[in-house]
Amino acid sequence: RVRRDIARSCGWVLADEVQMHQIIMNLCTNAQHAMRDTG
């Protein structure tokens, strides 16, 4: 299952959007890998 708890008015950062996207994707992929057998 995926749950989001994202504040409506959280701040902005000066960053490369693709890199930020990659970080979150990598972290979620690792999380998924840790639960692949048990859910």
PDB file of all heavy atoms in Angstrom:
ATOM      1  N   ARG A   1       0.851  -1.190   0.000  1.00  0.00           N
ATOM      2  CA  ARG A   1       0.000   0.000   0.000  1.00  0.00           C
ATOM      3  C   ARG A   1       0.890   1.245   0.000  1.00  0.00           C
ATOM      4  O   ARG A   1       1.999   1.225   0.531  1.00  0.00           O
ATOM      5  CB  ARG A   1      -0.893   0.027   1.241  1.00  0.00           C
ATOM      6  CG  ARG A   1      -1.899  -1.111   1.296  1.00  0.00           C
ATOM      7  CD  ARG A   1      -2.702  -1.129   2.592  1.00  0.00           C
ATOM      8  NE  ARG A   1      -1.910  -1.045   3.820  1.00  0.00           N
ATOM      9  CZ  ARG A   1      -1.212  -2.035   4.353  1.00  0.00           C
ATOM     10  NH1 ARG A   1      -1.171  -3.207   3.765  1.00  0.00           N
ATOM     11  NH2 ARG A   1      -0.549  -1.876   5.476  1.00  0.00           N
ATOM     12  N   VAL A   2       0.375   2.325  -0.567  1.00  0.00           N
ATOM     13  CA  VAL A   2       1.087   3.600  -0.566  1.00  0.00           C
ATOM     14  C   VAL A   2       0.197   4.623   0.124  1.00  0.00           C
ATOM     15  O   VAL A   2      -0.987   4.752  -0.197  1.00  0.00           O
ATOM     16  CB  VAL A   2       1.416   4.076  -2.001  1.00  0.00           C
ATOM     17  CG1 VAL A   2       2.040   5.454  -1.972  1.00  0.00           C
ATOM     18  CG2 VAL A   2       2.323   3.081  -2.700  1.00  0.00           C
ATOM     19  N   ARG A   3       0.767   5.332   1.079  1.00  0.00           N
ATOM     20  CA  ARG A   3       0.033   6.393   1.772  1.00  0.00           C
ATOM     21  C   ARG A   3       0.814   7.686   1.631  1.00  0.00           C
ATOM     22  O   ARG A   3       2.037   7.700   1.760  1.00  0.00           O
ATOM     23  CB  ARG A   3      -0.159   6.035   3.244  1.00  0.00           C
ATOM     24  CG  ARG A   3      -1.081   6.992   3.959  1.00  0.00           C
ATOM     25  CD  ARG A   3      -1.619   6.446   5.276  1.00  0.00           C
ATOM     26  NE  ARG A   3      -0.649   5.776   6.096  1.00  0.00           N
ATOM     27  CZ  ARG A   3      -0.043   6.345   7.154  1.00  0.00           C
ATOM     28  NH1 ARG A   3      -0.290   7.576   7.498  1.00  0.00           N
ATOM     29  NH2 ARG A   3       0.828   5.642   7.863  1.00  0.00           N
ATOM     30  N   ARG A   4       0.098   8.758   1.369  1.00  0.00           N
ATOM     31  CA  ARG A   4       0.708  10.080   1.215  1.00  0.00           C
ATOM     32  C   ARG A   4       0.245  10.969   2.357  1.00  0.00           C
ATOM     33  O   ARG A   4      -0.936  10.998   2.669  1.00  0.00           O
ATOM     34  CB  ARG A   4       0.267  10.759  -0.075  1.00  0.00           C
ATOM     35  CG  ARG A   4       0.363   9.941  -1.286  1.00  0.00           C
ATOM     36  CD  ARG A   4      -0.497  10.519  -2.407  1.00  0.00           C
ATOM     37  NE  ARG A   4      -0.703   9.491  -3.407  1.00  0.00           N
ATOM     38  CZ  ARG A   4      -0.467   9.634  -4.683  1.00  0.00           C
ATOM     39  NH1 ARG A   4      -0.071  10.776  -5.151  1.00  0.00           N
ATOM     40  NH2 ARG A   4      -0.655   8.646  -5.511  1.00  0.00           N
ATOM     41  N   ASP A   5       1.164  11.701   2.914  1.00  0.00           N
ATOM     42  CA  ASP A   5       0.835  12.714   3.915  1.00  0.00           C
ATOM     43  C   ASP A   5       1.603  13.961   3.504  1.00  0.00           C
ATOM     44  O   ASP A   5       2.681  14.249   4.028  1.00  0.00           O
ATOM     45  CB  ASP A   5       1.229  12.227   5.312  1.00  0.00           C
ATOM     46  CG  ASP A   5       0.761  13.187   6.396  1.00  0.00           C
ATOM     47  OD1 ASP A   5       0.020  14.146   6.081  1.00  0.00           O
ATOM     48  OD2 ASP A   5       1.147  12.985   7.559  1.00  0.00           O
ATOM     49  N   ILE A   6       1.060  14.662   2.532  1.00  0.00           N
ATOM     50  CA  ILE A   6       1.755  15.797   1.927  1.00  0.00           C
ATOM     51  C   ILE A   6       1.035  17.080   2.300  1.00  0.00           C
ATOM     52  O   ILE A   6      -0.142  17.269   1.952  1.00  0.00           O
ATOM     53  CB  ILE A   6       1.827  15.627   0.386  1.00  0.00           C
ATOM     54  CG1 ILE A   6       2.612  14.343   0.054  1.00  0.00           C
ATOM     55  CG2 ILE A   6       2.456  16.849  -0.264  1.00  0.00           C
ATOM     56  CD1 ILE A   6       2.620  13.971  -1.411  1.00  0.00           C
ATOM     57  N   ALA A   7       1.748  17.950   3.027  1.00  0.00           N
ATOM     58  CA  ALA A   7       1.173  19.232   3.438  1.00  0.00           C
ATOM     59  C   ALA A   7       0.816  20.057   2.203  1.00  0.00           C
ATOM     60  O   ALA A   7       1.561  20.087   1.228  1.00  0.00           O
ATOM     61  CB  ALA A   7       2.156  19.984   4.327  1.00  0.00           C
ATOM     62  N   ARG A   8      -0.327  20.711   2.258  1.00  0.00           N
ATOM     63  CA  ARG A   8      -0.783  21.509   1.115  1.00  0.00           C
ATOM     64  C   ARG A   8       0.137  22.692   0.829  1.00  0.00           C
ATOM     65  O   ARG A   8       0.293  23.094  -0.304  1.00  0.00           O
ATOM     66  CB  ARG A   8      -2.194  22.027   1.359  1.00  0.00           C
ATOM     67  CG  ARG A   8      -3.238  20.949   1.359  1.00  0.00           C
ATOM     68  CD  ARG A   8      -4.613  21.600   1.306  1.00  0.00           C
ATOM     69  NE  ARG A   8      -5.669  20.646   1.512  1.00  0.00           N
ATOM     70  CZ  ARG A   8      -6.158  19.860   0.579  1.00  0.00           C
ATOM     71  NH1 ARG A   8      -5.659  19.890  -0.623  1.00  0.00           N
ATOM     72  NH2 ARG A   8      -7.136  19.021   0.853  1.00  0.00           N
ATOM     73  N   SER A   9       0.711  23.249   1.841  1.00  0.00           N
ATOM     74  CA  SER A   9       1.504  24.465   1.643  1.00  0.00           C
ATOM     75  C   SER A   9       2.969  24.258   2.004  1.00  0.00           C
ATOM     76  O   SER A   9       3.587  25.112   2.611  1.00  0.00           O
ATOM     77  CB  SER A   9       0.920  25.603   2.482  1.00  0.00           C
ATOM     78  OG  SER A   9       0.969  25.248   3.852  1.00  0.00           O
ATOM     79  N   CYS A  10       3.504  23.086   1.634  1.00  0.00           N
ATOM     80  CA  CYS A  10       4.913  22.881   1.939  1.00  0.00           C
ATOM     81  C   CYS A  10       5.766  23.724   0.996  1.00  0.00           C
ATOM     82  O   CYS A  10       5.331  24.112  -0.083  1.00  0.00           O
ATOM     83  CB  CYS A  10       5.294  21.406   1.871  1.00  0.00           C
ATOM     84  SG  CYS A  10       5.009  20.625   0.309  1.00  0.00           S
ATOM     85  N   GLY A  11       6.968  24.009   1.431  1.00  0.00           N
ATOM     86  CA  GLY A  11       7.825  24.937   0.706  1.00  0.00           C
ATOM     87  C   GLY A  11       8.360  24.420  -0.613  1.00  0.00           C
ATOM     88  O   GLY A  11       8.218  23.251  -0.955  1.00  0.00           O
ATOM     89  N   TRP A  12       8.956  25.321  -1.333  1.00  0.00           N
ATOM     90  CA  TRP A  12       9.617  25.037  -2.585  1.00  0.00           C
ATOM     91  C   TRP A  12      11.114  25.052  -2.328  1.00  0.00           C
ATOM     92  O   TRP A  12      11.581  25.726  -1.415  1.00  0.00           O
ATOM     93  CB  TRP A  12       9.276  26.107  -3.613  1.00  0.00           C
ATOM     94  CG  TRP A  12       7.839  26.104  -4.052  1.00  0.00           C
ATOM     95  CD1 TRP A  12       6.736  26.204  -3.248  1.00  0.00           C
ATOM     96  CD2 TRP A  12       7.350  26.005  -5.376  1.00  0.00           C
ATOM     97  NE1 TRP A  12       5.600  26.169  -3.997  1.00  0.00           N
ATOM     98  CE2 TRP A  12       5.947  26.054  -5.314  1.00  0.00           C
ATOM     99  CE3 TRP A  12       7.958  25.888  -6.613  1.00  0.00           C
ATOM    100  CZ2 TRP A  12       5.149  25.985  -6.441  1.00  0.00           C
ATOM    101  CZ3 TRP A  12       7.158  25.822  -7.733  1.00  0.00           C
ATOM    102  CH2 TRP A  12       5.776  25.861  -7.652  1.00  0.00           C
ATOM    103  N   VAL A  13      11.851  24.328  -3.130  1.00  0.00           N
ATOM    104  CA  VAL A  13      13.305  24.352  -3.041  1.00  0.00           C
ATOM    105  C   VAL A  13      13.872  24.667  -4.416  1.00  0.00           C
ATOM    106  O   VAL A  13      13.254  24.363  -5.441  1.00  0.00           O
ATOM    107  CB  VAL A  13      13.895  23.016  -2.518  1.00  0.00           C
ATOM    108  CG1 VAL A  13      13.430  22.732  -1.104  1.00  0.00           C
ATOM    109  CG2 VAL A  13      13.567  21.855  -3.423  1.00  0.00           C
ATOM    110  N   LEU A  14      15.033  25.293  -4.427  1.00  0.00           N
ATOM    111  CA  LEU A  14      15.732  25.565  -5.678  1.00  0.00           C
ATOM    112  C   LEU A  14      16.560  24.329  -5.985  1.00  0.00           C
ATOM    113  O   LEU A  14      17.550  24.050  -5.314  1.00  0.00           O
ATOM    114  CB  LEU A  14      16.616  26.806  -5.541  1.00  0.00           C
ATOM    115  CG  LEU A  14      17.230  27.329  -6.835  1.00  0.00           C
ATOM    116  CD1 LEU A  14      16.146  27.724  -7.824  1.00  0.00           C
ATOM    117  CD2 LEU A  14      18.129  28.513  -6.548  1.00  0.00           C
ATOM    118  N   ALA A  15      16.116  23.556  -6.980  1.00  0.00           N
ATOM    119  CA  ALA A  15      16.737  22.254  -7.240  1.00  0.00           C
ATOM    120  C   ALA A  15      16.495  21.848  -8.681  1.00  0.00           C
ATOM    121  O   ALA A  15      15.746  22.497  -9.406  1.00  0.00           O
ATOM    122  CB  ALA A  15      16.145  21.206  -6.301  1.00  0.00           C
ATOM    123  N   ASP A  16      17.118  20.768  -9.060  1.00  0.00           N
ATOM    124  CA  ASP A  16      16.857  20.151 -10.355  1.00  0.00           C
ATOM    125  C   ASP A  16      15.697  19.186 -10.140  1.00  0.00           C
ATOM    126  O   ASP A  16      15.809  18.212  -9.393  1.00  0.00           O
ATOM    127  CB  ASP A  16      18.100  19.416 -10.856  1.00  0.00           C
ATOM    128  CG  ASP A  16      17.919  18.878 -12.251  1.00  0.00           C
ATOM    129  OD1 ASP A  16      17.052  17.993 -12.426  1.00  0.00           O
ATOM    130  OD2 ASP A  16      18.640  19.337 -13.156  1.00  0.00           O
ATOM    131  N   GLU A  17      14.570  19.437 -10.800  1.00  0.00           N
ATOM    132  CA  GLU A  17      13.367  18.649 -10.571  1.00  0.00           C
ATOM    133  C   GLU A  17      13.566  17.175 -10.910  1.00  0.00           C
ATOM    134  O   GLU A  17      13.078  16.287 -10.210  1.00  0.00           O
ATOM    135  CB  GLU A  17      12.200  19.213 -11.381  1.00  0.00           C
ATOM    136  CG  GLU A  17      10.890  18.543 -11.051  1.00  0.00           C
ATOM    137  CD  GLU A  17       9.701  19.243 -11.686  1.00  0.00           C
ATOM    138  OE1 GLU A  17       9.883  20.108 -12.549  1.00  0.00           O
ATOM    139  OE2 GLU A  17       8.578  18.902 -11.296  1.00  0.00           O
ATOM    140  N   VAL A  18      14.296  16.894 -11.959  1.00  0.00           N
ATOM    141  CA  VAL A  18      14.530  15.503 -12.346  1.00  0.00           C
ATOM    142  C   VAL A  18      15.348  14.789 -11.271  1.00  0.00           C
ATOM    143  O   VAL A  18      15.079  13.630 -10.938  1.00  0.00           O
ATOM    144  CB  VAL A  18      15.221  15.416 -13.727  1.00  0.00           C
ATOM    145  CG1 VAL A  18      15.597  13.989 -14.062  1.00  0.00           C
ATOM    146  CG2 VAL A  18      14.309  15.993 -14.794  1.00  0.00           C
ATOM    147  N   GLN A  19      16.324  15.476 -10.711  1.00  0.00           N
ATOM    148  CA  GLN A  19      17.117  14.859  -9.649  1.00  0.00           C
ATOM    149  C   GLN A  19      16.261  14.592  -8.414  1.00  0.00           C
ATOM    150  O   GLN A  19      16.377  13.535  -7.791  1.00  0.00           O
ATOM    151  CB  GLN A  19      18.299  15.753  -9.276  1.00  0.00           C
ATOM    152  CG  GLN A  19      19.388  15.769 -10.306  1.00  0.00           C
ATOM    153  CD  GLN A  19      20.571  16.623  -9.874  1.00  0.00           C
ATOM    154  OE1 GLN A  19      20.432  17.557  -9.084  1.00  0.00           O
ATOM    155  NE2 GLN A  19      21.733  16.298 -10.400  1.00  0.00           N
ATOM    156  N   MET A  20      15.399  15.549  -8.058  1.00  0.00           N
ATOM    157  CA  MET A  20      14.510  15.347  -6.913  1.00  0.00           C
ATOM    158  C   MET A  20      13.571  14.168  -7.175  1.00  0.00           C
ATOM    159  O   MET A  20      13.319  13.341  -6.305  1.00  0.00           O
ATOM    160  CB  MET A  20      13.688  16.608  -6.633  1.00  0.00           C
ATOM    161  CG  MET A  20      14.489  17.805  -6.162  1.00  0.00           C
ATOM    162  SD  MET A  20      15.168  17.570  -4.505  1.00  0.00           S
ATOM    163  CE  MET A  20      16.874  17.314  -4.906  1.00  0.00           C
ATOM    164  N   HIS A  21      13.066  14.084  -8.385  1.00  0.00           N
ATOM    165  CA  HIS A  21      12.204  12.985  -8.809  1.00  0.00           C
ATOM    166  C   HIS A  21      12.958  11.656  -8.640  1.00  0.00           C
ATOM    167  O   HIS A  21      12.414  10.672  -8.118  1.00  0.00           O
ATOM    168  CB  HIS A  21      11.830  13.226 -10.277  1.00  0.00           C
ATOM    169  CG  HIS A  21      10.737  12.373 -10.807  1.00  0.00           C
ATOM    170  ND1 HIS A  21      10.934  11.080 -11.230  1.00  0.00           N
ATOM    171  CD2 HIS A  21       9.429  12.634 -11.010  1.00  0.00           C
ATOM    172  CE1 HIS A  21       9.800  10.578 -11.663  1.00  0.00           C
ATOM    173  NE2 HIS A  21       8.861  11.508 -11.545  1.00  0.00           N
ATOM    174  N   GLN A  22      14.210  11.643  -9.062  1.00  0.00           N
ATOM    175  CA  GLN A  22      15.032  10.440  -8.984  1.00  0.00           C
ATOM    176  C   GLN A  22      15.242  10.004  -7.536  1.00  0.00           C
ATOM    177  O   GLN A  22      15.199   8.811  -7.229  1.00  0.00           O
ATOM    178  CB  GLN A  22      16.378  10.703  -9.659  1.00  0.00           C
ATOM    179  CG  GLN A  22      17.287   9.511  -9.694  1.00  0.00           C
ATOM    180  CD  GLN A  22      18.602   9.808 -10.404  1.00  0.00           C
ATOM    181  OE1 GLN A  22      18.910  10.932 -10.745  1.00  0.00           O
ATOM    182  NE2 GLN A  22      19.378   8.769 -10.624  1.00  0.00           N
ATOM    183  N   ILE A  23      15.463  10.946  -6.638  1.00  0.00           N
ATOM    184  CA  ILE A  23      15.666  10.611  -5.224  1.00  0.00           C
ATOM    185  C   ILE A  23      14.441   9.896  -4.666  1.00  0.00           C
ATOM    186  O   ILE A  23      14.548   8.831  -4.062  1.00  0.00           O
ATOM    187  CB  ILE A  23      15.956  11.883  -4.393  1.00  0.00           C
ATOM    188  CG1 ILE A  23      17.318  12.451  -4.740  1.00  0.00           C
ATOM    189  CG2 ILE A  23      15.866  11.576  -2.897  1.00  0.00           C
ATOM    190  CD1 ILE A  23      17.557  13.831  -4.152  1.00  0.00           C
ATOM    191  N   ILE A  24      13.268  10.492  -4.857  1.00  0.00           N
ATOM    192  CA  ILE A  24      12.041   9.899  -4.305  1.00  0.00           C
ATOM    193  C   ILE A  24      11.777   8.540  -4.948  1.00  0.00           C
ATOM    194  O   ILE A  24      11.412   7.577  -4.270  1.00  0.00           O
ATOM    195  CB  ILE A  24      10.841  10.855  -4.489  1.00  0.00           C
ATOM    196  CG1 ILE A  24      11.127  12.212  -3.817  1.00  0.00           C
ATOM    197  CG2 ILE A  24       9.568  10.229  -3.934  1.00  0.00           C
ATOM    198  CD1 ILE A  24      11.485  12.134  -2.342  1.00  0.00           C
ATOM    199  N   MET A  25      11.988   8.449  -6.247  1.00  0.00           N
ATOM    200  CA  MET A  25      11.791   7.168  -6.944  1.00  0.00           C
ATOM    201  C   MET A  25      12.748   6.103  -6.392  1.00  0.00           C
ATOM    202  O   MET A  25      12.342   4.969  -6.119  1.00  0.00           O
ATOM    203  CB  MET A  25      11.996   7.342  -8.448  1.00  0.00           C
ATOM    204  CG  MET A  25      11.641   6.127  -9.257  1.00  0.00           C
ATOM    205  SD  MET A  25       9.904   5.663  -9.162  1.00  0.00           S
ATOM    206  CE  MET A  25       9.205   6.759 -10.379  1.00  0.00           C
ATOM    207  N   ASN A  26      14.015   6.459  -6.182  1.00  0.00           N
ATOM    208  CA  ASN A  26      14.992   5.509  -5.637  1.00  0.00           C
ATOM    209  C   ASN A  26      14.598   5.053  -4.237  1.00  0.00           C
ATOM    210  O   ASN A  26      14.677   3.867  -3.913  1.00  0.00           O
ATOM    211  CB  ASN A  26      16.395   6.116  -5.600  1.00  0.00           C
ATOM    212  CG  ASN A  26      17.039   6.222  -6.962  1.00  0.00           C
ATOM    213  OD1 ASN A  26      16.512   5.752  -7.959  1.00  0.00           O
ATOM    214  ND2 ASN A  26      18.182   6.882  -7.015  1.00  0.00           N
ATOM    215  N   LEU A  27      14.175   5.990  -3.393  1.00  0.00           N
ATOM    216  CA  LEU A  27      13.789   5.633  -2.023  1.00  0.00           C
ATOM    217  C   LEU A  27      12.560   4.726  -2.014  1.00  0.00           C
ATOM    218  O   LEU A  27      12.507   3.748  -1.259  1.00  0.00           O
ATOM    219  CB  LEU A  27      13.542   6.895  -1.191  1.00  0.00           C
ATOM    220  CG  LEU A  27      14.771   7.750  -0.906  1.00  0.00           C
ATOM    221  CD1 LEU A  27      14.376   9.032  -0.177  1.00  0.00           C
ATOM    222  CD2 LEU A  27      15.813   6.977  -0.104  1.00  0.00           C
ATOM    223  N   CYS A  28      11.579   5.035  -2.856  1.00  0.00           N
ATOM    224  CA  CYS A  28      10.369   4.201  -2.925  1.00  0.00           C
ATOM    225  C   CYS A  28      10.667   2.824  -3.516  1.00  0.00           C
ATOM    226  O   CYS A  28      10.108   1.821  -3.075  1.00  0.00           O
ATOM    227  CB  CYS A  28       9.283   4.906  -3.730  1.00  0.00           C
ATOM    228  SG  CYS A  28       8.578   6.336  -2.877  1.00  0.00           S
ATOM    229  N   THR A  29      11.559   2.767  -4.490  1.00  0.00           N
ATOM    230  CA  THR A  29      11.942   1.481  -5.082  1.00  0.00           C
ATOM    231  C   THR A  29      12.637   0.615  -4.041  1.00  0.00           C
ATOM    232  O   THR A  29      12.375  -0.594  -3.938  1.00  0.00           O
ATOM    233  CB  THR A  29      12.847   1.699  -6.307  1.00  0.00           C
ATOM    234  OG1 THR A  29      12.111   2.451  -7.279  1.00  0.00           O
ATOM    235  CG2 THR A  29      13.297   0.386  -6.914  1.00  0.00           C
ATOM    236  N   ASN A  30      13.519   1.210  -3.247  1.00  0.00           N
ATOM    237  CA  ASN A  30      14.181   0.451  -2.178  1.00  0.00           C
ATOM    238  C   ASN A  30      13.173  -0.024  -1.145  1.00  0.00           C
ATOM    239  O   ASN A  30      13.270  -1.152  -0.643  1.00  0.00           O
ATOM    240  CB  ASN A  30      15.276   1.285  -1.511  1.00  0.00           C
ATOM    241  CG  ASN A  30      16.540   1.309  -2.326  1.00  0.00           C
ATOM    242  OD1 ASN A  30      16.688   0.585  -3.306  1.00  0.00           O
ATOM    243  ND2 ASN A  30      17.464   2.164  -1.937  1.00  0.00           N
ATOM    244  N   ALA A  31      12.202   0.830  -0.809  1.00  0.00           N
ATOM    245  CA  ALA A  31      11.165   0.445   0.150  1.00  0.00           C
ATOM    246  C   ALA A  31      10.368  -0.738  -0.389  1.00  0.00           C
ATOM    247  O   ALA A  31      10.098  -1.705   0.332  1.00  0.00           O
ATOM    248  CB  ALA A  31      10.250   1.633   0.438  1.00  0.00           C
ATOM    249  N   GLN A  32      10.011  -0.669  -1.656  1.00  0.00           N
ATOM    250  CA  GLN A  32       9.263  -1.754  -2.285  1.00  0.00           C
ATOM    251  C   GLN A  32      10.078  -3.050  -2.258  1.00  0.00           C
ATOM    252  O   GLN A  32       9.547  -4.117  -1.970  1.00  0.00           O
ATOM    253  CB  GLN A  32       8.909  -1.363  -3.722  1.00  0.00           C
ATOM    254  CG  GLN A  32       8.146  -2.421  -4.474  1.00  0.00           C
ATOM    255  CD  GLN A  32       8.961  -3.091  -5.562  1.00  0.00           C
ATOM    256  OE1 GLN A  32       9.902  -2.538  -6.091  1.00  0.00           O
ATOM    257  NE2 GLN A  32       8.595  -4.307  -5.883  1.00  0.00           N
ATOM    258  N   HIS A  33      11.361  -2.933  -2.519  1.00  0.00           N
ATOM    259  CA  HIS A  33      12.228  -4.123  -2.507  1.00  0.00           C
ATOM    260  C   HIS A  33      12.263  -4.751  -1.118  1.00  0.00           C
ATOM    261  O   HIS A  33      12.259  -5.984  -0.984  1.00  0.00           O
ATOM    262  CB  HIS A  33      13.638  -3.751  -2.969  1.00  0.00           C
ATOM    263  CG  HIS A  33      14.544  -4.924  -3.114  1.00  0.00           C
ATOM    264  ND1 HIS A  33      15.325  -5.384  -2.085  1.00  0.00           N
ATOM    265  CD2 HIS A  33      14.763  -5.760  -4.152  1.00  0.00           C
ATOM    266  CE1 HIS A  33      16.002  -6.444  -2.484  1.00  0.00           C
ATOM    267  NE2 HIS A  33      15.684  -6.690  -3.739  1.00  0.00           N
ATOM    268  N   ALA A  34      12.266  -3.931  -0.083  1.00  0.00           N
ATOM    269  CA  ALA A  34      12.319  -4.435   1.293  1.00  0.00           C
ATOM    270  C   ALA A  34      11.037  -5.167   1.680  1.00  0.00           C
ATOM    271  O   ALA A  34      11.037  -5.951   2.633  1.00  0.00           O
ATOM    272  CB  ALA A  34      12.575  -3.286   2.265  1.00  0.00           C
ATOM    273  N   MET A  35       9.947  -4.933   0.931  1.00  0.00           N
ATOM    274  CA  MET A  35       8.659  -5.544   1.278  1.00  0.00           C
ATOM    275  C   MET A  35       8.159  -6.511   0.209  1.00  0.00           C
ATOM    276  O   MET A  35       7.011  -6.939   0.259  1.00  0.00           O
ATOM    277  CB  MET A  35       7.612  -4.442   1.491  1.00  0.00           C
ATOM    278  CG  MET A  35       7.957  -3.501   2.607  1.00  0.00           C
ATOM    279  SD  MET A  35       6.702  -2.241   2.868  1.00  0.00           S
ATOM    280  CE  MET A  35       6.810  -1.286   1.361  1.00  0.00           C
ATOM    281  N   ARG A  36       9.000  -6.846  -0.747  1.00  0.00           N
ATOM    282  CA  ARG A  36       8.522  -7.642  -1.888  1.00  0.00           C
ATOM    283  C   ARG A  36       7.981  -9.010  -1.487  1.00  0.00           C
ATOM    284  O   ARG A  36       7.072  -9.530  -2.119  1.00  0.00           O
ATOM    285  CB  ARG A  36       9.619  -7.780  -2.924  1.00  0.00           C
ATOM    286  CG  ARG A  36      10.775  -8.627  -2.463  1.00  0.00           C
ATOM    287  CD  ARG A  36      11.815  -8.827  -3.537  1.00  0.00           C
ATOM    288  NE  ARG A  36      12.875  -9.623  -2.952  1.00  0.00           N
ATOM    289  CZ  ARG A  36      14.135  -9.306  -2.980  1.00  0.00           C
ATOM    290  NH1 ARG A  36      14.512  -8.231  -3.609  1.00  0.00           N
ATOM    291  NH2 ARG A  36      15.036 -10.069  -2.410  1.00  0.00           N
ATOM    292  N   ASP A  37       8.510  -9.605  -0.420  1.00  0.00           N
ATOM    293  CA  ASP A  37       8.054 -10.939  -0.014  1.00  0.00           C
ATOM    294  C   ASP A  37       6.876 -10.886   0.959  1.00  0.00           C
ATOM    295  O   ASP A  37       6.029 -11.775   0.949  1.00  0.00           O
ATOM    296  CB  ASP A  37       9.200 -11.725   0.629  1.00  0.00           C
ATOM    297  CG  ASP A  37      10.327 -12.013  -0.356  1.00  0.00           C
ATOM    298  OD1 ASP A  37      10.038 -12.121  -1.574  1.00  0.00           O
ATOM    299  OD2 ASP A  37      11.488 -12.113   0.087  1.00  0.00           O
ATOM    300  N   THR A  38       6.831  -9.857   1.783  1.00  0.00           N
ATOM    301  CA  THR A  38       5.831  -9.807   2.852  1.00  0.00           C
ATOM    302  C   THR A  38       4.715  -8.803   2.623  1.00  0.00           C
ATOM    303  O   THR A  38       3.693  -8.848   3.297  1.00  0.00           O
ATOM    304  CB  THR A  38       6.518  -9.443   4.184  1.00  0.00           C
ATOM    305  OG1 THR A  38       7.144  -8.163   4.034  1.00  0.00           O
ATOM    306  CG2 THR A  38       7.545 -10.480   4.584  1.00  0.00           C
ATOM    307  N   GLY A  39       4.921  -7.860   1.702  1.00  0.00           N
ATOM    308  CA  GLY A  39       3.950  -6.783   1.546  1.00  0.00           C
ATOM    309  C   GLY A  39       4.122  -5.775   2.666  1.00  0.00           C
ATOM    310  O   GLY A  39       5.003  -5.910   3.518  1.00  0.00           O
TER     311      GLY A  39
END
